Amino acid sequence: MKIVVLAGGRSTERNVSLSSGVKITNALRSKGYQVALVDLFLGKDLQNLTVDQLFTTEPEPDDPSKISDEVLTDDKINALRPGKSKALFGPNVLKICQAADIVYLGLHGEDGENGKVQAVLDLFEIRYTGSDTLASGLAMNKKFSKEIFQQNQIPTAEYIVANQADIDPSAIPFGFPVVVKPCNGGSSVGTHIVKQAQDLSAALTDALRFDQEVLIEKYIQGREFSVAIIDDQVLPPVEIVVTNGWYDFEHKFQDNSVTQFITPPEIDADVQEQMQRLTKRTFQALGMQNYGRIDFLVADNKAYVMEANSLPGMTPRSLIPREAAVVGINYADLCEKIIQSKLRIYAAQEQANA
C-alpha cells in the first residue's frame, strides 16, 4: 500500500506537524509500507524524479525530537517557498496524493485541522485519515464546538467570545481569573491565563494576532487530563502535571523535567468513567470519526470538556501514543491502526452508497 504523510503547511504549529510527520513516516515505513513524506506548503519538485520514486521504505534521517518553539509568522512561512504564491497546497501535492491509497494527515493547527485540506481532498476523491470536512471545522473552532457542547449537555467552562482587545472587563459575567485563547488554534499558541482585569487587554491583543475571534473562558482550577479514542475504542486517560507554570507550548513539546505525563493516573473510577463516557459523547456530537482526543479539566470530581482535537499530535512527547502504549499498542501499530480504521469507514460508506 502506498501512503502519503502530509505535514508542515502554513499553520503556527508547522514545526510540530513536521515532527509528527517524520515520526509517522518512519513508523509506517518500518511496517513495510511505501511512504512519501510531503510538506503541504512546500510541495515537491518533480523535475529530477518521478512520483513513484517518492514512495520508499527507507527511514527519514531527520531528528523528530527537536521541535522549534518559534511561532512562525505568515511572512516567515511565505519566505520558505520560492516565488510569490501563498497557496496552501504547494507544487505537485495533489498529484502525489492522488498516487497514494490513502493520505495520513500529520497536519496540526488551523489550516491543517479546520476542514480546508479535507475539503480539497474530498473534491479529488483522495482518501485521508481523521474526521471529515465538517467535523474538522467544528472541532477546530472553539466557539462552535462550545455551542455544540452546551446543546448536548456536555459540561464545559463558561465562556464569551470577543473580537477586540478593548472590551470592558466588567462585561465578563464570571469574573477573573480567565483563560484567553484564539477560537481557531492549538498547542496553546496565543493562549493566556489572565488573573487580573488590567492584564486582559494585552492577552486579547496577543490572541487576536492568531485569529479574528477570541474565546474568554472561566478559569477552572483542577487536574488536567486527556482521553483519546480510536476506532470507537476509548483509551485510558493521561494526566498532565506541570510543576512550574501551566501546560503551554514549551511544556507540550520541549524536553523538560517540570511536566509529568501519568498514564494511567490515580483517579477515582467514577471520574475516569465520566471522562471516557464524555469522550464518546463529544466525539459523536461533533460528528468526528476515525480517531481524536478530548481534553478535560477535573474539579470537585466533575469532568469538564475543554476542547476536541481532530488530528492529535504524534510527536515524541504527544499524548495519544502514551495512552495507546498503556493498552499494548506501540507507535507503529497505532499509526497502522488509524489507517485501517479509516479504510473500514470508507468501505462502509461505499457499501452504503452501492
Protein backbone atom coordinates (compact mmCIF):
# COMPACT_ATOMS: atom_id res chain seq x y z
CA MET A 1 0.00 0.00 0.00
CA LYS A 2 1.21 3.48 -0.87
CA ILE A 3 0.75 6.18 1.77
CA VAL A 4 1.41 9.92 1.68
CA VAL A 5 2.16 11.54 5.04
CA LEU A 6 1.13 15.17 4.71
CA ALA A 7 2.81 17.51 7.20
CA GLY A 8 4.04 21.08 7.63
CA GLY A 9 1.69 23.54 5.94
CA ARG A 10 1.05 27.18 6.85
CA SER A 11 -0.06 26.77 10.46
CA THR A 12 1.54 28.30 13.54
CA GLU A 13 2.01 24.63 14.51
CA ARG A 14 4.03 23.92 11.39
CA ASN A 15 7.13 22.77 13.26
CA VAL A 16 5.10 20.45 15.48
CA SER A 17 3.48 18.95 12.39
CA LEU A 18 6.84 18.32 10.74
CA SER A 19 8.00 16.43 13.82
CA SER A 20 4.82 14.34 13.79
CA GLY A 21 5.25 13.73 10.06
CA VAL A 22 8.77 12.35 10.34
CA LYS A 23 7.84 10.03 13.19
CA ILE A 24 4.68 8.77 11.43
CA THR A 25 6.62 8.24 8.19
CA ASN A 26 9.36 6.20 9.85
CA ALA A 27 6.80 4.15 11.79
CA LEU A 28 4.83 3.24 8.67
CA ARG A 29 7.97 2.52 6.67
CA SER A 30 9.11 0.17 9.43
CA LYS A 31 5.88 -1.76 8.85
CA GLY A 32 6.81 -2.20 5.18
CA TYR A 33 4.53 0.46 3.67
CA GLN A 34 5.71 2.57 0.73
CA VAL A 35 5.53 6.08 2.18
CA ALA A 36 6.11 9.56 0.75
CA LEU A 37 6.57 12.41 3.25
CA VAL A 38 5.26 15.65 1.73
CA ASP A 39 5.21 19.19 3.11
CA LEU A 40 1.73 20.56 2.32
CA PHE A 41 3.01 24.11 1.72
CA LEU A 42 6.39 23.46 0.10
CA GLY A 43 5.30 20.51 -2.03
CA LYS A 44 7.83 18.61 -4.15
CA ASP A 45 9.89 19.48 -7.20
CA LEU A 46 9.44 16.58 -9.64
CA GLN A 47 11.94 17.79 -12.24
CA ASN A 48 14.54 15.12 -11.48
CA LEU A 49 12.40 12.28 -10.15
CA THR A 50 9.05 10.60 -10.62
CA VAL A 51 6.16 10.41 -8.19
CA ASP A 52 6.80 6.68 -7.69
CA GLN A 53 10.37 7.42 -6.56
CA LEU A 54 8.99 9.37 -3.57
CA PHE A 55 7.43 6.25 -2.09
CA THR A 56 10.06 4.32 -0.17
CA THR A 57 10.64 2.26 2.97
CA GLU A 58 13.96 3.97 3.76
CA PRO A 59 13.82 5.84 7.11
CA GLU A 60 13.89 9.64 7.22
CA PRO A 61 17.21 10.91 8.64
CA ASP A 62 15.67 13.95 10.37
CA ASP A 63 15.57 14.07 14.16
CA PRO A 64 11.86 14.34 15.09
CA SER A 65 12.63 15.02 18.77
CA LYS A 66 13.74 18.59 18.06
CA ILE A 67 10.77 20.92 17.74
CA SER A 68 11.45 24.62 17.47
CA ASP A 69 9.49 26.70 19.98
CA GLU A 70 9.41 29.58 17.49
CA VAL A 71 5.90 30.55 16.41
CA LEU A 72 6.29 31.24 12.71
CA THR A 73 4.59 34.32 11.26
CA ASP A 74 2.94 34.29 7.83
CA ASP A 75 5.87 36.26 6.40
CA LYS A 76 8.40 33.70 7.64
CA ILE A 77 6.34 30.80 6.30
CA ASN A 78 5.84 32.52 2.94
CA ALA A 79 9.59 33.07 2.66
CA LEU A 80 10.17 29.31 2.75
CA ARG A 81 8.71 28.86 -0.74
CA PRO A 82 10.24 30.40 -3.90
CA GLY A 83 8.00 32.76 -5.84
CA LYS A 84 5.05 34.81 -4.65
CA SER A 85 2.44 32.10 -4.30
CA LYS A 86 0.90 31.81 -0.84
CA ALA A 87 -1.44 28.96 -1.77
CA LEU A 88 -1.89 26.36 0.96
CA PHE A 89 -1.10 23.49 -1.41
CA GLY A 90 2.46 23.52 -2.72
CA PRO A 91 3.70 22.25 -6.09
CA ASN A 92 2.59 18.72 -7.03
CA VAL A 93 0.97 17.97 -3.65
CA LEU A 94 -2.33 16.86 -5.17
CA LYS A 95 -0.59 14.87 -7.90
CA ILE A 96 1.40 12.94 -5.29
CA CYS A 97 -1.64 12.40 -3.03
CA GLN A 98 -3.61 11.01 -5.99
CA ALA A 99 -0.92 8.34 -6.41
CA ALA A 100 -1.47 7.06 -2.85
CA ASP A 101 -4.01 4.61 -1.46
CA ILE A 102 -4.57 6.95 1.49
CA VAL A 103 -3.12 10.17 2.90
CA TYR A 104 -2.11 10.22 6.55
CA LEU A 105 -2.79 13.76 7.76
CA GLY A 106 0.08 14.69 10.05
CA LEU A 107 -1.07 18.33 10.00
CA HIS A 108 -1.78 20.42 13.09
CA GLY A 109 -3.24 23.85 13.65
CA GLU A 110 -5.75 25.94 11.76
CA ASP A 111 -5.12 25.19 8.09
CA GLY A 112 -4.45 21.52 8.80
CA GLU A 113 -7.41 20.80 11.05
CA ASN A 114 -10.13 23.28 10.07
CA GLY A 115 -11.51 21.27 7.17
CA LYS A 116 -9.91 23.17 4.27
CA VAL A 117 -7.46 20.41 3.37
CA GLN A 118 -10.10 17.75 3.93
CA ALA A 119 -12.49 19.56 1.56
CA VAL A 120 -9.90 19.68 -1.24
CA LEU A 121 -9.04 16.01 -0.81
CA ASP A 122 -12.76 15.14 -0.89
CA LEU A 123 -13.19 17.04 -4.16
CA PHE A 124 -10.40 14.98 -5.73
CA GLU A 125 -11.70 11.72 -4.18
CA ILE A 126 -8.49 11.26 -2.21
CA ARG A 127 -8.79 9.19 0.95
CA TYR A 128 -7.32 10.56 4.18
CA THR A 129 -7.15 9.84 7.91
CA GLY A 130 -9.11 11.67 10.58
CA SER A 131 -12.50 13.33 10.55
CA ASP A 132 -14.32 14.72 7.53
CA THR A 133 -14.55 18.35 6.46
CA LEU A 134 -17.50 19.45 8.62
CA ALA A 135 -16.43 17.70 11.83
CA SER A 136 -12.88 19.00 11.44
CA GLY A 137 -14.12 22.57 11.14
CA LEU A 138 -16.46 22.26 14.12
CA ALA A 139 -13.79 20.73 16.35
CA MET A 140 -11.22 23.33 15.35
CA ASN A 141 -13.45 26.33 16.00
CA LYS A 142 -13.75 26.58 19.78
CA LYS A 143 -16.77 28.89 19.60
CA PHE A 144 -18.80 26.47 17.50
CA SER A 145 -17.68 23.41 19.47
CA LYS A 146 -18.61 25.14 22.75
CA GLU A 147 -22.11 25.78 21.38
CA ILE A 148 -22.41 22.11 20.45
CA PHE A 149 -21.22 21.07 23.91
CA GLN A 150 -23.93 23.17 25.50
CA GLN A 151 -26.64 21.89 23.14
CA ASN A 152 -25.71 18.32 24.04
CA GLN A 153 -25.44 18.92 27.81
CA ILE A 154 -21.70 18.27 27.76
CA PRO A 155 -20.18 20.09 30.75
CA THR A 156 -17.68 22.77 29.77
CA ALA A 157 -16.31 26.04 31.15
CA GLU A 158 -18.43 29.19 30.87
CA TYR A 159 -17.26 31.49 28.09
CA ILE A 160 -17.84 34.56 25.98
CA VAL A 161 -16.44 35.49 22.56
CA ALA A 162 -14.52 38.72 21.84
CA ASN A 163 -13.24 40.24 18.61
CA GLN A 164 -11.42 43.27 20.01
CA ALA A 165 -8.87 43.94 22.72
CA ASP A 166 -10.55 46.88 24.47
CA ILE A 167 -13.57 45.11 25.96
CA ASP A 168 -14.74 46.17 29.40
CA PRO A 169 -13.54 43.57 31.94
CA SER A 170 -16.75 44.11 33.89
CA ALA A 171 -18.65 42.65 30.91
CA ILE A 172 -17.24 39.21 31.70
CA PRO A 173 -20.08 37.54 33.66
CA PHE A 174 -17.95 35.01 35.52
CA GLY A 175 -15.09 37.22 36.73
CA PHE A 176 -11.37 36.57 36.97
CA PRO A 177 -9.18 34.60 36.52
CA VAL A 178 -9.98 33.76 32.90
CA VAL A 179 -8.35 31.89 30.02
CA VAL A 180 -7.92 33.78 26.75
CA LYS A 181 -7.36 31.75 23.57
CA PRO A 182 -7.85 32.11 19.79
CA CYS A 183 -11.07 30.47 18.58
CA ASN A 184 -9.10 28.67 15.87
CA GLY A 185 -5.77 27.39 17.07
CA GLY A 186 -3.97 24.75 19.04
CA SER A 187 -0.88 23.81 21.05
CA SER A 188 -1.71 26.75 23.36
CA VAL A 189 -0.34 29.26 20.83
CA GLY A 190 -1.72 32.69 21.79
CA THR A 191 -3.29 31.32 24.98
CA HIS A 192 -3.03 33.18 28.29
CA ILE A 193 -4.24 32.71 31.85
CA VAL A 194 -5.31 36.19 32.97
CA LYS A 195 -5.60 36.68 36.71
CA GLN A 196 -6.33 40.40 36.89
CA ALA A 197 -8.52 42.75 34.85
CA GLN A 198 -5.65 45.09 33.98
CA ASP A 199 -3.87 42.26 32.10
CA LEU A 200 -6.85 41.37 29.90
CA SER A 201 -6.20 43.78 27.04
CA ALA A 202 -2.61 42.61 26.48
CA ALA A 203 -3.72 38.97 26.42
CA LEU A 204 -6.51 39.72 23.96
CA THR A 205 -4.13 41.68 21.73
CA ASP A 206 -1.75 38.73 21.55
CA ALA A 207 -4.52 36.16 20.94
CA LEU A 208 -6.01 38.32 18.18
CA ARG A 209 -2.71 38.04 16.29
CA PHE A 210 -3.70 34.44 15.52
CA ASP A 211 -7.44 34.75 14.89
CA GLN A 212 -10.21 37.29 14.39
CA GLU A 213 -12.21 35.93 17.33
CA VAL A 214 -11.05 35.01 20.81
CA LEU A 215 -12.60 32.84 23.48
CA ILE A 216 -12.62 34.12 27.07
CA GLU A 217 -13.27 31.18 29.38
CA LYS A 218 -13.87 30.91 33.08
CA TYR A 219 -10.69 29.52 34.63
CA ILE A 220 -11.25 26.14 36.26
CA GLN A 221 -8.72 25.21 38.90
CA GLY A 222 -8.37 21.46 38.60
CA ARG A 223 -6.42 18.49 37.33
CA GLU A 224 -5.78 18.26 33.60
CA PHE A 225 -6.43 15.09 31.61
CA SER A 226 -6.68 13.96 28.01
CA VAL A 227 -8.54 10.95 26.62
CA ALA A 228 -8.05 9.50 23.14
CA ILE A 229 -10.48 7.48 21.07
CA ILE A 230 -9.51 5.26 18.14
CA ASP A 231 -11.95 3.26 16.06
CA ASP A 232 -14.59 3.59 18.83
CA GLN A 233 -12.10 2.35 21.46
CA VAL A 234 -11.71 4.84 24.31
CA LEU A 235 -8.19 4.69 25.73
CA PRO A 236 -7.19 5.21 29.38
CA PRO A 237 -6.76 8.88 30.34
CA VAL A 238 -3.39 10.56 30.71
CA GLU A 239 -2.91 13.20 33.40
CA ILE A 240 -0.72 16.22 32.67
CA VAL A 241 1.05 17.57 35.74
CA VAL A 242 3.06 20.77 35.38
CA THR A 243 5.07 21.69 38.48
CA ASN A 244 6.13 25.10 37.20
CA GLY A 245 3.65 27.23 35.25
CA TRP A 246 0.97 25.66 33.04
CA TYR A 247 0.74 23.34 30.04
CA ASP A 248 1.78 25.84 27.36
CA PHE A 249 3.62 25.26 24.05
CA GLU A 250 7.02 24.79 25.69
CA HIS A 251 5.73 22.28 28.24
CA LYS A 252 3.95 20.35 25.50
CA PHE A 253 6.81 19.93 23.09
CA GLN A 254 10.17 20.71 24.66
CA ASP A 255 12.08 18.22 26.78
CA ASN A 256 11.89 19.39 30.36
CA SER A 257 11.62 17.98 33.85
CA VAL A 258 8.67 20.07 35.06
CA THR A 259 5.96 18.26 33.10
CA GLN A 260 4.83 14.77 34.02
CA PHE A 261 2.51 12.56 31.98
CA ILE A 262 0.86 9.95 34.18
CA THR A 263 -0.86 7.02 32.47
CA PRO A 264 -2.89 5.51 33.98
CA PRO A 265 -3.45 8.26 36.58
CA GLU A 266 -4.52 7.82 40.18
CA ILE A 267 -8.15 8.87 39.96
CA ASP A 268 -11.49 7.64 41.22
CA ALA A 269 -13.09 5.06 38.96
CA ASP A 270 -16.28 7.11 38.60
CA VAL A 271 -14.31 10.17 37.41
CA GLN A 272 -12.47 8.07 34.84
CA GLU A 273 -15.80 6.64 33.69
CA GLN A 274 -17.14 10.21 33.40
CA MET A 275 -14.28 11.21 31.11
CA GLN A 276 -14.49 8.12 28.94
CA ARG A 277 -18.27 8.49 28.58
CA LEU A 278 -17.93 12.20 27.76
CA THR A 279 -15.20 11.40 25.22
CA LYS A 280 -17.65 9.28 23.23
CA ARG A 281 -20.44 11.84 23.59
CA THR A 282 -18.20 14.69 22.46
CA PHE A 283 -16.81 12.67 19.56
CA GLN A 284 -20.35 11.86 18.38
CA ALA A 285 -21.76 15.35 18.98
CA LEU A 286 -19.12 16.90 16.72
CA GLY A 287 -19.50 14.17 14.10
CA MET A 288 -15.87 13.11 14.43
CA GLN A 289 -14.63 9.77 13.11
CA ASN A 290 -11.58 7.51 12.94
CA TYR A 291 -9.69 8.93 15.93
CA GLY A 292 -9.27 12.01 18.09
CA ARG A 293 -8.52 13.32 21.55
CA ILE A 294 -10.68 15.13 24.08
CA ASP A 295 -9.10 17.39 26.73
CA PHE A 296 -10.56 17.69 30.23
CA LEU A 297 -10.26 19.59 33.48
CA VAL A 298 -11.50 17.83 36.61
CA ALA A 299 -12.58 19.85 39.65
CA ASP A 300 -14.52 18.50 42.66
CA ASN A 301 -14.81 15.12 40.93
CA LYS A 302 -16.61 16.66 37.94
CA ALA A 303 -15.12 16.44 34.44
CA TYR A 304 -15.34 19.44 32.11
CA VAL A 305 -14.67 19.08 28.38
CA MET A 306 -12.28 21.83 27.29
CA GLU A 307 -11.81 21.05 23.62
CA ALA A 308 -11.62 18.34 20.96
CA ASN A 309 -8.61 17.55 18.79
CA SER A 310 -9.38 16.01 15.39
CA LEU A 311 -5.70 15.48 14.45
CA PRO A 312 -3.85 14.94 17.74
CA GLY A 313 -0.10 15.41 17.86
CA MET A 314 2.10 12.40 17.16
CA THR A 315 5.44 13.87 18.30
CA PRO A 316 7.80 12.12 20.73
CA ARG A 317 6.07 13.97 23.62
CA SER A 318 2.47 13.74 22.39
CA LEU A 319 -0.33 12.27 24.48
CA ILE A 320 -2.11 9.78 22.26
CA PRO A 321 0.92 7.45 21.80
CA ARG A 322 1.31 7.35 25.60
CA GLU A 323 -2.31 6.31 26.07
CA ALA A 324 -2.05 3.67 23.34
CA ALA A 325 1.08 2.21 24.93
CA VAL A 326 -0.84 1.54 28.17
CA VAL A 327 -3.14 -0.89 26.32
CA GLY A 328 -0.26 -2.52 24.45
CA ILE A 329 -0.36 -0.56 21.19
CA ASN A 330 3.11 0.61 20.14
CA TYR A 331 3.68 3.68 17.98
CA ALA A 332 3.95 1.90 14.63
CA ASP A 333 0.90 -0.24 15.38
CA LEU A 334 -1.00 2.91 16.40
CA CYS A 335 -0.30 4.58 13.04
CA GLU A 336 -1.34 1.42 11.22
CA LYS A 337 -4.49 1.08 13.34
CA ILE A 338 -5.54 4.64 12.46
CA ILE A 339 -5.16 3.89 8.74
CA GLN A 340 -7.00 0.57 8.93
CA SER A 341 -9.83 2.19 10.91
CA LYS A 342 -10.35 4.91 8.30
CA LEU A 343 -10.22 2.43 5.43
CA ARG A 344 -13.04 0.48 7.12
CA ILE A 345 -15.05 3.71 7.36
CA TYR A 346 -14.55 4.35 3.64
CA ALA A 347 -15.52 0.74 2.83
CA ALA A 348 -18.71 1.05 4.89
CA GLN A 349 -19.60 4.32 3.14
CA GLU A 350 -19.06 2.77 -0.28
CA GLN A 351 -21.20 -0.21 0.64
CA ALA A 352 -23.99 2.06 1.88
CA ASN A 353 -23.90 4.05 -1.35
CA ALA A 354 -23.76 0.98 -3.61
